[in-house]
Amino acid sequence: MNDLKEIYDRMRTKRDEKKKVNEVFRDVLAQSTPYQEVLDELKAVKIKKVQIETELRGQFSQEMEQLERLTLDLKTDAEMLSDMALTKLMKGETIEIVDENDTKFEPVFKVTFKKAL
């Protein structure tokens, strides 16, 4: 258990150091006049881009609704696939998916830690 804490502490120290270096770099960028001018130009172009996208989306409202439905369906199916794979893993079953090209897919599980409440 101490090994986990040592690694966690080392990661936290490196995250803090990375954060400090990023803050220094952000300060340098904030003081750079050419950089600020480019940011202003970028904002103007982004606004124009959003206006064009909004106009075009209005013209293709049916397709946009279909896109939203498909996105939601994909998210729901991904959750269901994950839940089913985890259930099979807990039962000790082999988990593998083979697509139409005989490509095999295996699940990848990731463990993260969050602050306990």
Protein backbone atom coordinates (compact mmCIF):
# COMPACT_ATOMS: atom_id res chain seq x y z
CA MET A 1 0.00 0.00 0.00
CA ASN A 2 2.91 2.37 0.67
CA ASP A 3 4.06 1.96 -2.93
CA LEU A 4 0.74 3.35 -4.16
CA LYS A 5 1.05 6.36 -1.86
CA GLU A 6 4.65 6.99 -2.93
CA ILE A 7 3.69 6.95 -6.61
CA TYR A 8 0.65 9.13 -5.92
CA ASP A 9 2.77 11.66 -4.01
CA ARG A 10 5.35 11.71 -6.78
CA MET A 11 2.62 12.31 -9.37
CA ARG A 12 1.13 15.11 -7.27
CA THR A 13 4.53 16.80 -6.93
CA LYS A 14 5.07 16.62 -10.69
CA ARG A 15 1.56 17.97 -11.35
CA ASP A 16 2.27 20.93 -9.05
CA GLU A 17 5.56 21.60 -10.81
CA LYS A 18 3.89 21.38 -14.22
CA LYS A 19 1.20 23.80 -13.05
CA LYS A 20 3.84 26.35 -11.97
CA VAL A 21 5.67 26.15 -15.32
CA ASN A 22 2.37 26.57 -17.18
CA GLU A 23 1.53 29.66 -15.10
CA VAL A 24 4.88 31.24 -15.98
CA PHE A 25 4.33 30.54 -19.66
CA ARG A 26 0.78 31.97 -19.53
CA ASP A 27 2.15 35.14 -17.92
CA VAL A 28 4.72 35.51 -20.73
CA LEU A 29 2.00 35.05 -23.34
CA ALA A 30 -0.27 37.57 -21.61
CA GLN A 31 2.49 40.21 -21.81
CA SER A 32 3.28 39.57 -25.49
CA THR A 33 1.73 42.25 -27.72
CA PRO A 34 1.97 40.22 -30.98
CA TYR A 35 0.34 37.28 -29.27
CA GLN A 36 -2.53 39.44 -27.98
CA GLU A 37 -3.07 40.88 -31.48
CA VAL A 38 -3.29 37.38 -32.96
CA LEU A 39 -5.77 36.39 -30.22
CA ASP A 40 -8.00 39.35 -31.15
CA GLU A 41 -7.90 38.35 -34.83
CA LEU A 42 -8.68 34.76 -33.88
CA LYS A 43 -11.72 35.86 -31.85
CA ALA A 44 -13.09 37.78 -34.82
CA VAL A 45 -12.64 34.81 -37.15
CA LYS A 46 -14.26 32.45 -34.63
CA ILE A 47 -17.30 34.72 -34.36
CA LYS A 48 -17.65 34.77 -38.14
CA LYS A 49 -17.28 30.96 -38.25
CA VAL A 50 -20.03 30.49 -35.65
CA GLN A 51 -22.35 32.81 -37.59
CA ILE A 52 -21.83 30.82 -40.80
CA GLU A 53 -22.31 27.49 -38.99
CA THR A 54 -25.50 28.71 -37.34
CA GLU A 55 -26.90 29.87 -40.66
CA LEU A 56 -26.08 26.57 -42.36
CA ARG A 57 -27.43 24.49 -39.46
CA GLY A 58 -30.72 26.37 -39.77
CA GLN A 59 -30.93 25.31 -43.39
CA PHE A 60 -30.31 21.65 -42.49
CA SER A 61 -32.45 21.31 -39.35
CA GLN A 62 -33.62 17.76 -40.11
CA GLU A 63 -30.07 16.54 -40.55
CA MET A 64 -29.00 18.27 -37.34
CA GLU A 65 -31.82 16.58 -35.40
CA GLN A 66 -30.77 13.23 -36.88
CA LEU A 67 -27.17 13.94 -35.88
CA GLU A 68 -28.22 14.69 -32.28
CA ARG A 69 -30.27 11.46 -32.12
CA LEU A 70 -27.37 9.42 -33.51
CA THR A 71 -24.93 10.99 -31.04
CA LEU A 72 -27.22 10.15 -28.11
CA ASP A 73 -27.77 6.60 -29.40
CA LEU A 74 -24.01 6.05 -29.74
CA LYS A 75 -23.40 7.31 -26.20
CA THR A 76 -26.12 5.02 -24.83
CA ASP A 77 -24.80 2.01 -26.76
CA ALA A 78 -21.23 2.70 -25.59
CA GLU A 79 -22.41 2.71 -21.96
CA MET A 80 -24.33 -0.53 -22.52
CA LEU A 81 -21.30 -2.15 -24.18
CA SER A 82 -19.10 -1.10 -21.27
CA ASP A 83 -21.58 -2.39 -18.69
CA MET A 84 -21.97 -5.73 -20.47
CA ALA A 85 -18.20 -6.18 -20.83
CA LEU A 86 -17.65 -5.44 -17.15
CA THR A 87 -20.41 -7.88 -16.17
CA LYS A 88 -18.84 -10.63 -18.31
CA LEU A 89 -15.42 -9.88 -16.86
CA MET A 90 -16.78 -10.19 -13.32
CA LYS A 91 -18.24 -13.60 -14.27
CA GLY A 92 -14.83 -14.69 -15.54
CA GLU A 93 -15.91 -14.89 -19.18
CA THR A 94 -13.63 -13.98 -22.08
CA ILE A 95 -14.42 -10.62 -23.62
CA GLU A 96 -13.69 -10.12 -27.29
CA ILE A 97 -15.42 -8.56 -30.28
CA VAL A 98 -14.66 -9.54 -33.88
CA ASP A 99 -15.81 -7.20 -36.64
CA GLU A 100 -16.71 -7.98 -40.27
CA ASN A 101 -13.01 -7.78 -41.27
CA ASP A 102 -12.02 -10.38 -38.64
CA THR A 103 -10.35 -7.67 -36.56
CA LYS A 104 -10.38 -8.58 -32.89
CA PHE A 105 -11.09 -5.99 -30.22
CA GLU A 106 -10.38 -6.45 -26.53
CA PRO A 107 -11.63 -4.18 -23.76
CA VAL A 108 -9.32 -1.71 -22.06
CA PHE A 109 -10.11 -0.83 -18.47
CA LYS A 110 -8.77 2.29 -16.78
CA VAL A 111 -8.58 2.98 -13.08
CA THR A 112 -8.59 6.56 -11.84
CA PHE A 113 -8.79 7.97 -8.34
CA LYS A 114 -10.93 10.85 -7.19
CA LYS A 115 -11.15 12.62 -3.88
CA ALA A 116 -13.45 10.79 -1.43
CA LEU A 117 -16.32 12.82 -0.05
